[in-house]
Amino acid sequence: FLSKNTLYQTTHKKITKIEQKLEVKLSNGVISAKQ
């Protein structure tokens, strides 16, 4: 149970990082498109 929980937490952190990177890319794209 503990190992599953740890695996879930690390996976969730990775997904969160990926989502943040995508948000940055999207916002940068919108900014460059407006310019």
PDB file of N, CA and C in Angstrom:
ATOM      1  N   PHE A   1       0.850  -1.205   0.000  1.00  0.00           N
ATOM      2  CA  PHE A   1       0.000   0.000   0.000  1.00  0.00           C
ATOM      3  C   PHE A   1       0.875   1.241   0.000  1.00  0.00           C
ATOM      4  N   LEU A   2       1.914   1.196   0.830  1.00  0.00           N
ATOM      5  CA  LEU A   2       2.804   2.361   0.943  1.00  0.00           C
ATOM      6  C   LEU A   2       3.515   2.611  -0.384  1.00  0.00           C
ATOM      7  N   SER A   3       3.999   1.535  -1.016  1.00  0.00           N
ATOM      8  CA  SER A   3       4.721   1.697  -2.277  1.00  0.00           C
ATOM      9  C   SER A   3       3.786   2.222  -3.362  1.00  0.00           C
ATOM     10  N   LYS A   4       2.539   1.750  -3.367  1.00  0.00           N
ATOM     11  CA  LYS A   4       1.571   2.251  -4.346  1.00  0.00           C
ATOM     12  C   LYS A   4       1.328   3.738  -4.124  1.00  0.00           C
ATOM     13  N   ASN A   5       1.196   4.112  -2.865  1.00  0.00           N
ATOM     14  CA  ASN A   5       0.942   5.519  -2.549  1.00  0.00           C
ATOM     15  C   ASN A   5       2.113   6.384  -2.993  1.00  0.00           C
ATOM     16  N   THR A   6       3.321   5.916  -2.762  1.00  0.00           N
ATOM     17  CA  THR A   6       4.513   6.666  -3.155  1.00  0.00           C
ATOM     18  C   THR A   6       4.580   6.776  -4.673  1.00  0.00           C
ATOM     19  N   LEU A   7       4.268   5.683  -5.348  1.00  0.00           N
ATOM     20  CA  LEU A   7       4.274   5.681  -6.808  1.00  0.00           C
ATOM     21  C   LEU A   7       3.249   6.683  -7.335  1.00  0.00           C
ATOM     22  N   TYR A   8       2.081   6.701  -6.707  1.00  0.00           N
ATOM     23  CA  TYR A   8       1.040   7.643  -7.124  1.00  0.00           C
ATOM     24  C   TYR A   8       1.508   9.076  -6.947  1.00  0.00           C
ATOM     25  N   GLN A   9       2.151   9.355  -5.809  1.00  0.00           N
ATOM     26  CA  GLN A   9       2.607  10.718  -5.517  1.00  0.00           C
ATOM     27  C   GLN A   9       3.655  11.165  -6.528  1.00  0.00           C
ATOM     28  N   THR A  10       4.619  10.292  -6.837  1.00  0.00           N
ATOM     29  CA  THR A  10       5.673  10.666  -7.788  1.00  0.00           C
ATOM     30  C   THR A  10       5.076  10.861  -9.181  1.00  0.00           C
ATOM     31  N   THR A  11       4.137   9.988  -9.554  1.00  0.00           N
ATOM     32  CA  THR A  11       3.493  10.126 -10.866  1.00  0.00           C
ATOM     33  C   THR A  11       2.700  11.422 -10.918  1.00  0.00           C
ATOM     34  N   HIS A  12       1.994  11.721  -9.846  1.00  0.00           N
ATOM     35  CA  HIS A  12       1.193  12.940  -9.796  1.00  0.00           C
ATOM     36  C   HIS A  12       2.083  14.172  -9.916  1.00  0.00           C
ATOM     37  N   LYS A  13       3.239  14.128  -9.263  1.00  0.00           N
ATOM     38  CA  LYS A  13       4.172  15.257  -9.338  1.00  0.00           C
ATOM     39  C   LYS A  13       4.673  15.436 -10.763  1.00  0.00           C
ATOM     40  N   LYS A  14       4.991  14.326 -11.430  1.00  0.00           N
ATOM     41  CA  LYS A  14       5.466  14.398 -12.814  1.00  0.00           C
ATOM     42  C   LYS A  14       4.383  14.981 -13.708  1.00  0.00           C
ATOM     43  N   ILE A  15       3.141  14.518 -13.536  1.00  0.00           N
ATOM     44  CA  ILE A  15       2.028  15.023 -14.344  1.00  0.00           C
ATOM     45  C   ILE A  15       1.839  16.514 -14.093  1.00  0.00           C
ATOM     46  N   THR A  16       1.937  16.922 -12.835  1.00  0.00           N
ATOM     47  CA  THR A  16       1.774  18.334 -12.503  1.00  0.00           C
ATOM     48  C   THR A  16       2.846  19.168 -13.185  1.00  0.00           C
ATOM     49  N   LYS A  17       4.082  18.676 -13.184  1.00  0.00           N
ATOM     50  CA  LYS A  17       5.180  19.403 -13.828  1.00  0.00           C
ATOM     51  C   LYS A  17       4.926  19.523 -15.318  1.00  0.00           C
ATOM     52  N   ILE A  18       4.460  18.430 -15.938  1.00  0.00           N
ATOM     53  CA  ILE A  18       4.177  18.441 -17.377  1.00  0.00           C
ATOM     54  C   ILE A  18       3.063  19.447 -17.671  1.00  0.00           C
ATOM     55  N   GLU A  19       2.018  19.445 -16.834  1.00  0.00           N
ATOM     56  CA  GLU A  19       0.906  20.383 -17.043  1.00  0.00           C
ATOM     57  C   GLU A  19       1.397  21.820 -16.929  1.00  0.00           C
ATOM     58  N   GLN A  20       2.266  22.084 -15.959  1.00  0.00           N
ATOM     59  CA  GLN A  20       2.799  23.434 -15.785  1.00  0.00           C
ATOM     60  C   GLN A  20       3.604  23.840 -17.003  1.00  0.00           C
ATOM     61  N   LYS A  21       4.409  22.931 -17.542  1.00  0.00           N
ATOM     62  CA  LYS A  21       5.204  23.235 -18.735  1.00  0.00           C
ATOM     63  C   LYS A  21       4.292  23.537 -19.909  1.00  0.00           C
ATOM     64  N   LEU A  22       3.215  22.748 -20.046  1.00  0.00           N
ATOM     65  CA  LEU A  22       2.283  22.977 -21.151  1.00  0.00           C
ATOM     66  C   LEU A  22       1.607  24.329 -20.997  1.00  0.00           C
ATOM     67  N   GLU A  23       1.223  24.687 -19.762  1.00  0.00           N
ATOM     68  CA  GLU A  23       0.583  25.976 -19.523  1.00  0.00           C
ATOM     69  C   GLU A  23       1.520  27.114 -19.901  1.00  0.00           C
ATOM     70  N   VAL A  24       2.794  26.971 -19.562  1.00  0.00           N
ATOM     71  CA  VAL A  24       3.777  28.000 -19.897  1.00  0.00           C
ATOM     72  C   VAL A  24       3.907  28.120 -21.410  1.00  0.00           C
ATOM     73  N   LYS A  25       3.976  26.977 -22.099  1.00  0.00           N
ATOM     74  CA  LYS A  25       4.095  26.993 -23.559  1.00  0.00           C
ATOM     75  C   LYS A  25       2.859  27.645 -24.172  1.00  0.00           C
ATOM     76  N   LEU A  26       1.684  27.310 -23.662  1.00  0.00           N
ATOM     77  CA  LEU A  26       0.443  27.877 -24.191  1.00  0.00           C
ATOM     78  C   LEU A  26       0.407  29.378 -23.969  1.00  0.00           C
ATOM     79  N   SER A  27       0.728  29.812 -22.761  1.00  0.00           N
ATOM     80  CA  SER A  27       0.686  31.246 -22.448  1.00  0.00           C
ATOM     81  C   SER A  27       1.725  31.985 -23.276  1.00  0.00           C
ATOM     82  N   ASN A  28       2.891  31.388 -23.477  1.00  0.00           N
ATOM     83  CA  ASN A  28       3.922  32.015 -24.307  1.00  0.00           C
ATOM     84  C   ASN A  28       3.438  32.112 -25.752  1.00  0.00           C
ATOM     85  N   GLY A  29       2.756  31.086 -26.218  1.00  0.00           N
ATOM     86  CA  GLY A  29       2.227  31.092 -27.580  1.00  0.00           C
ATOM     87  C   GLY A  29       1.189  32.182 -27.753  1.00  0.00           C
ATOM     88  N   VAL A  30       0.338  32.355 -26.747  1.00  0.00           N
ATOM     89  CA  VAL A  30      -0.696  33.382 -26.813  1.00  0.00           C
ATOM     90  C   VAL A  30      -0.050  34.762 -26.823  1.00  0.00           C
ATOM     91  N   ILE A  31       0.968  34.941 -25.984  1.00  0.00           N
ATOM     92  CA  ILE A  31       1.661  36.237 -25.907  1.00  0.00           C
ATOM     93  C   ILE A  31       2.321  36.543 -27.249  1.00  0.00           C
ATOM     94  N   SER A  32       3.012  35.563 -27.829  1.00  0.00           N
ATOM     95  CA  SER A  32       3.703  35.785 -29.098  1.00  0.00           C
ATOM     96  C   SER A  32       2.686  36.019 -30.218  1.00  0.00           C
ATOM     97  N   ALA A  33       1.542  35.361 -30.128  1.00  0.00           N
ATOM     98  CA  ALA A  33       0.511  35.541 -31.153  1.00  0.00           C
ATOM     99  C   ALA A  33      -0.076  36.953 -31.072  1.00  0.00           C
ATOM    100  N   LYS A  34      -0.235  37.468 -29.864  1.00  0.00           N
ATOM    101  CA  LYS A  34      -0.785  38.811 -29.700  1.00  0.00           C
ATOM    102  C   LYS A  34       0.196  39.852 -30.225  1.00  0.00           C
ATOM    103  N   GLN A  35       1.490  39.592 -30.045  1.00  0.00           N
ATOM    104  CA  GLN A  35       2.488  40.538 -30.530  1.00  0.00           C
ATOM    105  C   GLN A  35       2.578  40.445 -32.051  1.00  0.00           C
TER     106      GLN A  35
END
